Amino acid sequence: MIDSARLQRAAEIVMVLGIIALCQPWNLFLHRYGVTIILIGLVTFLCTNWFGGKADEEEHTDGVFDVSDHHEGLK
């Protein structure tokens, strides 16, 4: 299965390419479908945040100490 972080990065790139396609004046096809390209990237980005957000937060803690996880003194 595709990693949600990679899919999220691809969605960001698609949104940027959609903005570039919308702003360029040379190709009418790209200019016409620039907003559609942006929306496809946006929907993909939102879906990766909804369905893949919890696993990414747990994997990328990088050894940071979280006070809410420390329950040693509570007895």
PDB file of N, CA and C in Angstrom:
ATOM      1  N   MET A   1       0.836  -1.180   0.000  1.00  0.00           N
ATOM      2  CA  MET A   1       0.000   0.000   0.000  1.00  0.00           C
ATOM      3  C   MET A   1       0.884   1.248   0.000  1.00  0.00           C
ATOM      4  N   ILE A   2       0.395   2.310  -0.557  1.00  0.00           N
ATOM      5  CA  ILE A   2       1.156   3.553  -0.658  1.00  0.00           C
ATOM      6  C   ILE A   2       1.185   4.247   0.704  1.00  0.00           C
ATOM      7  N   ASP A   3       2.355   4.717   1.086  1.00  0.00           N
ATOM      8  CA  ASP A   3       2.514   5.446   2.330  1.00  0.00           C
ATOM      9  C   ASP A   3       1.764   6.772   2.240  1.00  0.00           C
ATOM     10  N   SER A   4       1.038   7.131   3.306  1.00  0.00           N
ATOM     11  CA  SER A   4       0.230   8.347   3.261  1.00  0.00           C
ATOM     12  C   SER A   4       1.094   9.602   3.168  1.00  0.00           C
ATOM     13  N   ALA A   5       2.303   9.556   3.702  1.00  0.00           N
ATOM     14  CA  ALA A   5       3.187  10.721   3.603  1.00  0.00           C
ATOM     15  C   ALA A   5       3.604  10.964   2.155  1.00  0.00           C
ATOM     16  N   ARG A   6       3.872   9.886   1.413  1.00  0.00           N
ATOM     17  CA  ARG A   6       4.229  10.047  -0.005  1.00  0.00           C
ATOM     18  C   ARG A   6       3.037  10.521  -0.827  1.00  0.00           C
ATOM     19  N   LEU A   7       1.869   9.994  -0.509  1.00  0.00           N
ATOM     20  CA  LEU A   7       0.663  10.412  -1.225  1.00  0.00           C
ATOM     21  C   LEU A   7       0.329  11.869  -0.925  1.00  0.00           C
ATOM     22  N   GLN A   8       0.558  12.289   0.309  1.00  0.00           N
ATOM     23  CA  GLN A   8       0.330  13.677   0.679  1.00  0.00           C
ATOM     24  C   GLN A   8       1.309  14.601  -0.058  1.00  0.00           C
ATOM     25  N   ARG A   9       2.559  14.196  -0.164  1.00  0.00           N
ATOM     26  CA  ARG A   9       3.555  14.995  -0.887  1.00  0.00           C
ATOM     27  C   ARG A   9       3.201  15.080  -2.368  1.00  0.00           C
ATOM     28  N   ALA A  10       2.725  13.971  -2.948  1.00  0.00           N
ATOM     29  CA  ALA A  10       2.311  13.976  -4.353  1.00  0.00           C
ATOM     30  C   ALA A  10       1.116  14.898  -4.561  1.00  0.00           C
ATOM     31  N   ALA A  11       0.185  14.917  -3.606  1.00  0.00           N
ATOM     32  CA  ALA A  11      -0.974  15.812  -3.708  1.00  0.00           C
ATOM     33  C   ALA A  11      -0.537  17.273  -3.660  1.00  0.00           C
ATOM     34  N   GLU A  12       0.443  17.577  -2.829  1.00  0.00           N
ATOM     35  CA  GLU A  12       0.965  18.946  -2.770  1.00  0.00           C
ATOM     36  C   GLU A  12       1.590  19.344  -4.101  1.00  0.00           C
ATOM     37  N   ILE A  13       2.338  18.426  -4.689  1.00  0.00           N
ATOM     38  CA  ILE A  13       2.979  18.708  -5.983  1.00  0.00           C
ATOM     39  C   ILE A  13       1.925  18.910  -7.066  1.00  0.00           C
ATOM     40  N   VAL A  14       0.861  18.099  -7.050  1.00  0.00           N
ATOM     41  CA  VAL A  14      -0.221  18.248  -8.036  1.00  0.00           C
ATOM     42  C   VAL A  14      -0.896  19.608  -7.880  1.00  0.00           C
ATOM     43  N   MET A  15      -1.090  20.067  -6.649  1.00  0.00           N
ATOM     44  CA  MET A  15      -1.697  21.390  -6.452  1.00  0.00           C
ATOM     45  C   MET A  15      -0.808  22.503  -6.995  1.00  0.00           C
ATOM     46  N   VAL A  16       0.488  22.399  -6.757  1.00  0.00           N
ATOM     47  CA  VAL A  16       1.418  23.412  -7.278  1.00  0.00           C
ATOM     48  C   VAL A  16       1.435  23.385  -8.805  1.00  0.00           C
ATOM     49  N   LEU A  17       1.440  22.187  -9.383  1.00  0.00           N
ATOM     50  CA  LEU A  17       1.400  22.087 -10.841  1.00  0.00           C
ATOM     51  C   LEU A  17       0.090  22.640 -11.402  1.00  0.00           C
ATOM     52  N   GLY A  18      -1.003  22.478 -10.670  1.00  0.00           N
ATOM     53  CA  GLY A  18      -2.272  23.063 -11.094  1.00  0.00           C
ATOM     54  C   GLY A  18      -2.229  24.582 -11.100  1.00  0.00           C
ATOM     55  N   ILE A  19      -1.582  25.167 -10.110  1.00  0.00           N
ATOM     56  CA  ILE A  19      -1.432  26.630 -10.077  1.00  0.00           C
ATOM     57  C   ILE A  19      -0.572  27.097 -11.238  1.00  0.00           C
ATOM     58  N   ILE A  20       0.505  26.370 -11.498  1.00  0.00           N
ATOM     59  CA  ILE A  20       1.360  26.727 -12.635  1.00  0.00           C
ATOM     60  C   ILE A  20       0.594  26.592 -13.945  1.00  0.00           C
ATOM     61  N   ALA A  21      -0.192  25.523 -14.081  1.00  0.00           N
ATOM     62  CA  ALA A  21      -0.984  25.323 -15.302  1.00  0.00           C
ATOM     63  C   ALA A  21      -2.010  26.423 -15.478  1.00  0.00           C
ATOM     64  N   LEU A  22      -2.564  26.895 -14.380  1.00  0.00           N
ATOM     65  CA  LEU A  22      -3.570  27.954 -14.457  1.00  0.00           C
ATOM     66  C   LEU A  22      -2.958  29.297 -14.836  1.00  0.00           C
ATOM     67  N   CYS A  23      -1.735  29.537 -14.429  1.00  0.00           N
ATOM     68  CA  CYS A  23      -1.109  30.840 -14.657  1.00  0.00           C
ATOM     69  C   CYS A  23      -0.345  30.950 -15.966  1.00  0.00           C
ATOM     70  N   GLN A  24      -0.058  29.850 -16.613  1.00  0.00           N
ATOM     71  CA  GLN A  24       0.713  29.925 -17.858  1.00  0.00           C
ATOM     72  C   GLN A  24      -0.212  30.284 -19.027  1.00  0.00           C
ATOM     73  N   PRO A  25       0.256  31.104 -19.977  1.00  0.00           N
ATOM     74  CA  PRO A  25      -0.608  31.558 -21.075  1.00  0.00           C
ATOM     75  C   PRO A  25      -0.440  30.797 -22.395  1.00  0.00           C
ATOM     76  N   TRP A  26       0.447  29.790 -22.468  1.00  0.00           N
ATOM     77  CA  TRP A  26       0.794  29.195 -23.756  1.00  0.00           C
ATOM     78  C   TRP A  26      -0.099  28.035 -24.160  1.00  0.00           C
ATOM     79  N   ASN A  27      -0.507  27.217 -23.245  1.00  0.00           N
ATOM     80  CA  ASN A  27      -1.265  26.023 -23.562  1.00  0.00           C
ATOM     81  C   ASN A  27      -2.693  26.179 -23.046  1.00  0.00           C
ATOM     82  N   LEU A  28      -3.651  26.221 -23.955  1.00  0.00           N
ATOM     83  CA  LEU A  28      -5.043  26.446 -23.574  1.00  0.00           C
ATOM     84  C   LEU A  28      -5.609  25.270 -22.787  1.00  0.00           C
ATOM     85  N   PHE A  29      -5.188  24.042 -23.119  1.00  0.00           N
ATOM     86  CA  PHE A  29      -5.676  22.865 -22.397  1.00  0.00           C
ATOM     87  C   PHE A  29      -5.301  22.934 -20.919  1.00  0.00           C
ATOM     88  N   LEU A  30      -4.035  23.246 -20.639  1.00  0.00           N
ATOM     89  CA  LEU A  30      -3.600  23.346 -19.245  1.00  0.00           C
ATOM     90  C   LEU A  30      -4.286  24.494 -18.528  1.00  0.00           C
ATOM     91  N   HIS A  31      -4.470  25.610 -19.215  1.00  0.00           N
ATOM     92  CA  HIS A  31      -5.137  26.756 -18.611  1.00  0.00           C
ATOM     93  C   HIS A  31      -6.602  26.437 -18.306  1.00  0.00           C
ATOM     94  N   ARG A  32      -7.240  25.703 -19.197  1.00  0.00           N
ATOM     95  CA  ARG A  32      -8.653  25.368 -19.026  1.00  0.00           C
ATOM     96  C   ARG A  32      -8.867  24.410 -17.858  1.00  0.00           C
ATOM     97  N   TYR A  33      -7.969  23.451 -17.670  1.00  0.00           N
ATOM     98  CA  TYR A  33      -8.144  22.446 -16.623  1.00  0.00           C
ATOM     99  C   TYR A  33      -7.253  22.680 -15.405  1.00  0.00           C
ATOM    100  N   GLY A  34      -6.729  23.869 -15.248  1.00  0.00           N
ATOM    101  CA  GLY A  34      -5.878  24.175 -14.097  1.00  0.00           C
ATOM    102  C   GLY A  34      -6.609  24.070 -12.775  1.00  0.00           C
ATOM    103  N   VAL A  35      -7.829  24.574 -12.711  1.00  0.00           N
ATOM    104  CA  VAL A  35      -8.609  24.511 -11.476  1.00  0.00           C
ATOM    105  C   VAL A  35      -8.977  23.055 -11.156  1.00  0.00           C
ATOM    106  N   THR A  36      -9.272  22.275 -12.175  1.00  0.00           N
ATOM    107  CA  THR A  36      -9.570  20.860 -11.966  1.00  0.00           C
ATOM    108  C   THR A  36      -8.359  20.122 -11.392  1.00  0.00           C
ATOM    109  N   ILE A  37      -7.181  20.439 -11.892  1.00  0.00           N
ATOM    110  CA  ILE A  37      -5.954  19.821 -11.379  1.00  0.00           C
ATOM    111  C   ILE A  37      -5.739  20.211  -9.921  1.00  0.00           C
ATOM    112  N   ILE A  38      -5.978  21.468  -9.585  1.00  0.00           N
ATOM    113  CA  ILE A  38      -5.846  21.926  -8.207  1.00  0.00           C
ATOM    114  C   ILE A  38      -6.839  21.196  -7.305  1.00  0.00           C
ATOM    115  N   LEU A  39      -8.076  21.044  -7.752  1.00  0.00           N
ATOM    116  CA  LEU A  39      -9.093  20.373  -6.943  1.00  0.00           C
ATOM    117  C   LEU A  39      -8.783  18.894  -6.729  1.00  0.00           C
ATOM    118  N   ILE A  40      -8.242  18.229  -7.744  1.00  0.00           N
ATOM    119  CA  ILE A  40      -7.850  16.826  -7.585  1.00  0.00           C
ATOM    120  C   ILE A  40      -6.758  16.709  -6.527  1.00  0.00           C
ATOM    121  N   GLY A  41      -5.786  17.605  -6.563  1.00  0.00           N
ATOM    122  CA  GLY A  41      -4.740  17.601  -5.544  1.00  0.00           C
ATOM    123  C   GLY A  41      -5.275  17.914  -4.163  1.00  0.00           C
ATOM    124  N   LEU A  42      -6.234  18.841  -4.082  1.00  0.00           N
ATOM    125  CA  LEU A  42      -6.806  19.216  -2.793  1.00  0.00           C
ATOM    126  C   LEU A  42      -7.608  18.074  -2.181  1.00  0.00           C
ATOM    127  N   VAL A  43      -8.424  17.409  -2.975  1.00  0.00           N
ATOM    128  CA  VAL A  43      -9.219  16.286  -2.471  1.00  0.00           C
ATOM    129  C   VAL A  43      -8.306  15.142  -2.030  1.00  0.00           C
ATOM    130  N   THR A  44      -7.262  14.883  -2.795  1.00  0.00           N
ATOM    131  CA  THR A  44      -6.310  13.836  -2.408  1.00  0.00           C
ATOM    132  C   THR A  44      -5.606  14.201  -1.108  1.00  0.00           C
ATOM    133  N   PHE A  45      -5.233  15.455  -0.969  1.00  0.00           N
ATOM    134  CA  PHE A  45      -4.571  15.922   0.245  1.00  0.00           C
ATOM    135  C   PHE A  45      -5.488  15.779   1.455  1.00  0.00           C
ATOM    136  N   LEU A  46      -6.753  16.152   1.295  1.00  0.00           N
ATOM    137  CA  LEU A  46      -7.708  16.036   2.402  1.00  0.00           C
ATOM    138  C   LEU A  46      -7.955  14.583   2.777  1.00  0.00           C
ATOM    139  N   CYS A  47      -8.060  13.715   1.792  1.00  0.00           N
ATOM    140  CA  CYS A  47      -8.291  12.291   2.079  1.00  0.00           C
ATOM    141  C   CYS A  47      -7.103  11.664   2.796  1.00  0.00           C
ATOM    142  N   THR A  48      -5.887  12.051   2.449  1.00  0.00           N
ATOM    143  CA  THR A  48      -4.729  11.500   3.146  1.00  0.00           C
ATOM    144  C   THR A  48      -4.672  11.998   4.580  1.00  0.00           C
ATOM    145  N   ASN A  49      -5.132  13.213   4.833  1.00  0.00           N
ATOM    146  CA  ASN A  49      -5.171  13.709   6.206  1.00  0.00           C
ATOM    147  C   ASN A  49      -6.250  13.016   7.021  1.00  0.00           C
ATOM    148  N   TRP A  50      -7.401  12.734   6.428  1.00  0.00           N
ATOM    149  CA  TRP A  50      -8.484  12.077   7.158  1.00  0.00           C
ATOM    150  C   TRP A  50      -8.177  10.629   7.455  1.00  0.00           C
ATOM    151  N   PHE A  51      -7.657   9.894   6.469  1.00  0.00           N
ATOM    152  CA  PHE A  51      -7.493   8.459   6.617  1.00  0.00           C
ATOM    153  C   PHE A  51      -6.104   8.035   7.041  1.00  0.00           C
ATOM    154  N   GLY A  52      -5.105   8.859   6.872  1.00  0.00           N
ATOM    155  CA  GLY A  52      -3.741   8.445   7.182  1.00  0.00           C
ATOM    156  C   GLY A  52      -3.055   9.305   8.213  1.00  0.00           C
ATOM    157  N   GLY A  53      -3.761  10.155   8.902  1.00  0.00           N
ATOM    158  CA  GLY A  53      -3.140  11.101   9.816  1.00  0.00           C
ATOM    159  C   GLY A  53      -2.623  10.499  11.100  1.00  0.00           C
ATOM    160  N   LYS A  54      -3.327   9.559  11.713  1.00  0.00           N
ATOM    161  CA  LYS A  54      -2.944   9.009  13.005  1.00  0.00           C
ATOM    162  C   LYS A  54      -1.646   8.207  12.932  1.00  0.00           C
ATOM    163  N   ALA A  55      -1.471   7.419  11.901  1.00  0.00           N
ATOM    164  CA  ALA A  55      -0.270   6.594  11.787  1.00  0.00           C
ATOM    165  C   ALA A  55       0.976   7.451  11.603  1.00  0.00           C
ATOM    166  N   ASP A  56       0.867   8.550  10.880  1.00  0.00           N
ATOM    167  CA  ASP A  56       2.021   9.411  10.652  1.00  0.00           C
ATOM    168  C   ASP A  56       2.467  10.095  11.934  1.00  0.00           C
ATOM    169  N   GLU A  57       1.511  10.500  12.781  1.00  0.00           N
ATOM    170  CA  GLU A  57       1.877  11.180  14.010  1.00  0.00           C
ATOM    171  C   GLU A  57       2.611  10.247  14.958  1.00  0.00           C
ATOM    172  N   GLU A  58       2.210   8.977  14.998  1.00  0.00           N
ATOM    173  CA  GLU A  58       2.850   8.028  15.891  1.00  0.00           C
ATOM    174  C   GLU A  58       4.238   7.638  15.401  1.00  0.00           C
ATOM    175  N   GLU A  59       4.455   7.580  14.112  1.00  0.00           N
ATOM    176  CA  GLU A  59       5.730   7.150  13.565  1.00  0.00           C
ATOM    177  C   GLU A  59       6.805   8.224  13.665  1.00  0.00           C
ATOM    178  N   HIS A  60       6.456   9.475  13.575  1.00  0.00           N
ATOM    179  CA  HIS A  60       7.432  10.553  13.462  1.00  0.00           C
ATOM    180  C   HIS A  60       7.548  11.358  14.762  1.00  0.00           C
ATOM    181  N   THR A  61       7.707  10.682  15.894  1.00  0.00           N
ATOM    182  CA  THR A  61       7.876  11.409  17.143  1.00  0.00           C
ATOM    183  C   THR A  61       9.303  11.892  17.325  1.00  0.00           C
ATOM    184  N   ASP A  62      10.281  11.199  16.743  1.00  0.00           N
ATOM    185  CA  ASP A  62      11.692  11.586  16.767  1.00  0.00           C
ATOM    186  C   ASP A  62      12.237  11.729  18.188  1.00  0.00           C
ATOM    187  N   GLY A  63      11.751  10.919  19.116  1.00  0.00           N
ATOM    188  CA  GLY A  63      12.276  10.929  20.466  1.00  0.00           C
ATOM    189  C   GLY A  63      11.864  12.132  21.290  1.00  0.00           C
ATOM    190  N   VAL A  64      10.850  12.841  20.898  1.00  0.00           N
ATOM    191  CA  VAL A  64      10.401  14.011  21.644  1.00  0.00           C
ATOM    192  C   VAL A  64       9.617  13.529  22.866  1.00  0.00           C
ATOM    193  N   PHE A  65       9.925  14.085  24.024  1.00  0.00           N
ATOM    194  CA  PHE A  65       9.245  13.706  25.260  1.00  0.00           C
ATOM    195  C   PHE A  65       7.931  14.456  25.351  1.00  0.00           C
ATOM    196  N   ASP A  66       6.858  13.702  25.524  1.00  0.00           N
ATOM    197  CA  ASP A  66       5.530  14.291  25.658  1.00  0.00           C
ATOM    198  C   ASP A  66       5.093  14.137  27.112  1.00  0.00           C
ATOM    199  N   VAL A  67       4.772  15.234  27.764  1.00  0.00           N
ATOM    200  CA  VAL A  67       4.410  15.216  29.169  1.00  0.00           C
ATOM    201  C   VAL A  67       3.142  14.399  29.406  1.00  0.00           C
ATOM    202  N   SER A  68       2.229  14.390  28.452  1.00  0.00           N
ATOM    203  CA  SER A  68       0.982  13.651  28.629  1.00  0.00           C
ATOM    204  C   SER A  68       1.201  12.141  28.651  1.00  0.00           C
ATOM    205  N   ASP A  69       2.341  11.658  28.148  1.00  0.00           N
ATOM    206  CA  ASP A  69       2.640  10.235  28.170  1.00  0.00           C
ATOM    207  C   ASP A  69       3.343   9.802  29.458  1.00  0.00           C
ATOM    208  N   HIS A  70       3.702  10.724  30.301  1.00  0.00           N
ATOM    209  CA  HIS A  70       4.464  10.414  31.506  1.00  0.00           C
ATOM    210  C   HIS A  70       3.497  10.262  32.686  1.00  0.00           C
ATOM    211  N   HIS A  71       3.307   9.029  33.140  1.00  0.00           N
ATOM    212  CA  HIS A  71       2.354   8.746  34.212  1.00  0.00           C
ATOM    213  C   HIS A  71       3.045   8.134  35.426  1.00  0.00           C
ATOM    214  N   GLU A  72       4.334   8.338  35.588  1.00  0.00           N
ATOM    215  CA  GLU A  72       5.097   7.688  36.651  1.00  0.00           C
ATOM    216  C   GLU A  72       4.698   8.197  38.046  1.00  0.00           C
ATOM    217  N   GLY A  73       4.437   9.470  38.184  1.00  0.00           N
ATOM    218  CA  GLY A  73       4.146  10.059  39.483  1.00  0.00           C
ATOM    219  C   GLY A  73       2.684   9.950  39.886  1.00  0.00           C
ATOM    220  N   LEU A  74       1.812   9.427  39.040  1.00  0.00           N
ATOM    221  CA  LEU A  74       0.385   9.352  39.364  1.00  0.00           C
ATOM    222  C   LEU A  74       0.062   7.986  39.971  1.00  0.00           C
ATOM    223  N   LYS A  75       0.007   7.921  41.286  1.00  0.00           N
ATOM    224  CA  LYS A  75      -0.348   6.657  41.972  1.00  0.00           C
ATOM    225  C   LYS A  75      -1.328   6.894  43.058  1.00  0.00           C
TER     226      LYS A  75
END
